[in-house]
Amino acid sequence: MPVRRAEIEFWNKPGASLEDFNRDSAACAKEASPQYGIIIAEQYRACLRARGWTRAAQQEPPPPGWHRGIE
């Protein structure tokens, strides 16, 4: 029986680079952090979606252009 790999959520935005994702992810983490060290996941996700990123389950390693968020 083949081993099934777990799917993990990754983010993608057509034409965006890892640098673009890291910049947006950091900005959204800051926006979704009412207190140092605490991130409100739904606010973080909403912020990335508002910046044009799409979140979807992918197997590791993800296809090119898909990036792992902090959540």
Protein backbone atom coordinates (compact mmCIF):
# COMPACT_ATOMS: atom_id res chain seq x y z
CA MET A 1 0.00 0.00 0.00
CA PRO A 2 1.51 3.39 -0.96
CA VAL A 3 2.24 5.89 1.76
CA ARG A 4 0.02 8.93 1.53
CA ARG A 5 1.73 12.22 2.24
CA ALA A 6 -0.13 14.81 4.25
CA GLU A 7 -1.29 17.94 2.52
CA ILE A 8 -0.32 21.28 4.00
CA GLU A 9 -1.74 24.72 3.24
CA PHE A 10 0.43 26.97 1.08
CA TRP A 11 -0.04 30.40 -0.48
CA ASN A 12 0.22 31.41 -4.14
CA LYS A 13 -0.14 34.61 -6.15
CA PRO A 14 0.46 34.38 -9.90
CA GLY A 15 3.64 36.21 -10.88
CA ALA A 16 4.74 36.80 -7.27
CA SER A 17 8.15 35.79 -5.95
CA LEU A 18 9.22 34.36 -2.60
CA GLU A 19 10.45 37.86 -1.73
CA ASP A 20 6.95 39.24 -2.47
CA PHE A 21 5.40 36.59 -0.25
CA ASN A 22 7.86 37.20 2.59
CA ARG A 23 7.18 40.94 2.47
CA ASP A 24 3.38 40.51 2.44
CA SER A 25 3.49 37.75 5.05
CA ALA A 26 5.56 39.90 7.43
CA ALA A 27 3.27 42.90 6.94
CA CYS A 28 0.17 40.76 7.52
CA ALA A 29 1.69 39.13 10.60
CA LYS A 30 2.35 42.57 12.05
CA GLU A 31 -1.18 43.70 11.18
CA ALA A 32 -2.68 40.57 12.78
CA SER A 33 -0.60 40.85 15.95
CA PRO A 34 -2.34 42.81 18.69
CA GLN A 35 0.41 41.83 21.12
CA TYR A 36 4.01 40.72 20.57
CA GLY A 37 4.22 37.02 19.84
CA ILE A 38 0.50 36.55 19.25
CA ILE A 39 -0.85 36.24 15.71
CA ILE A 40 -4.58 36.05 15.03
CA ALA A 41 -4.61 33.48 12.23
CA GLU A 42 -7.90 34.57 10.63
CA GLN A 43 -6.73 38.19 10.43
CA TYR A 44 -3.39 37.06 8.94
CA ARG A 45 -5.17 34.96 6.30
CA ALA A 46 -7.66 37.75 5.49
CA CYS A 47 -4.80 40.20 5.04
CA LEU A 48 -2.97 37.90 2.61
CA ARG A 49 -6.19 37.26 0.68
CA ALA A 50 -6.76 41.02 0.45
CA ARG A 51 -3.28 41.32 -1.08
CA GLY A 52 -4.22 38.81 -3.78
CA TRP A 53 -2.81 35.58 -2.31
CA THR A 54 -4.73 32.28 -2.55
CA ARG A 55 -4.40 29.53 0.05
CA ALA A 56 -4.71 25.87 -0.92
CA ALA A 57 -3.62 22.42 0.24
CA GLN A 58 -0.52 21.06 -1.49
CA GLN A 59 1.72 18.10 -0.85
CA GLU A 60 5.30 18.72 0.23
CA PRO A 61 7.32 19.81 -1.49
CA PRO A 62 4.84 22.27 -2.99
CA PRO A 63 4.88 23.22 -6.67
CA PRO A 64 6.97 26.27 -7.62
CA GLY A 65 5.35 29.53 -6.59
CA TRP A 66 3.61 28.14 -3.49
CA HIS A 67 4.85 29.39 -0.11
CA ARG A 68 4.29 28.32 3.49
CA GLY A 69 2.74 30.93 5.75
CA ILE A 70 3.31 31.34 9.46
CA GLU A 71 -0.01 29.84 10.45
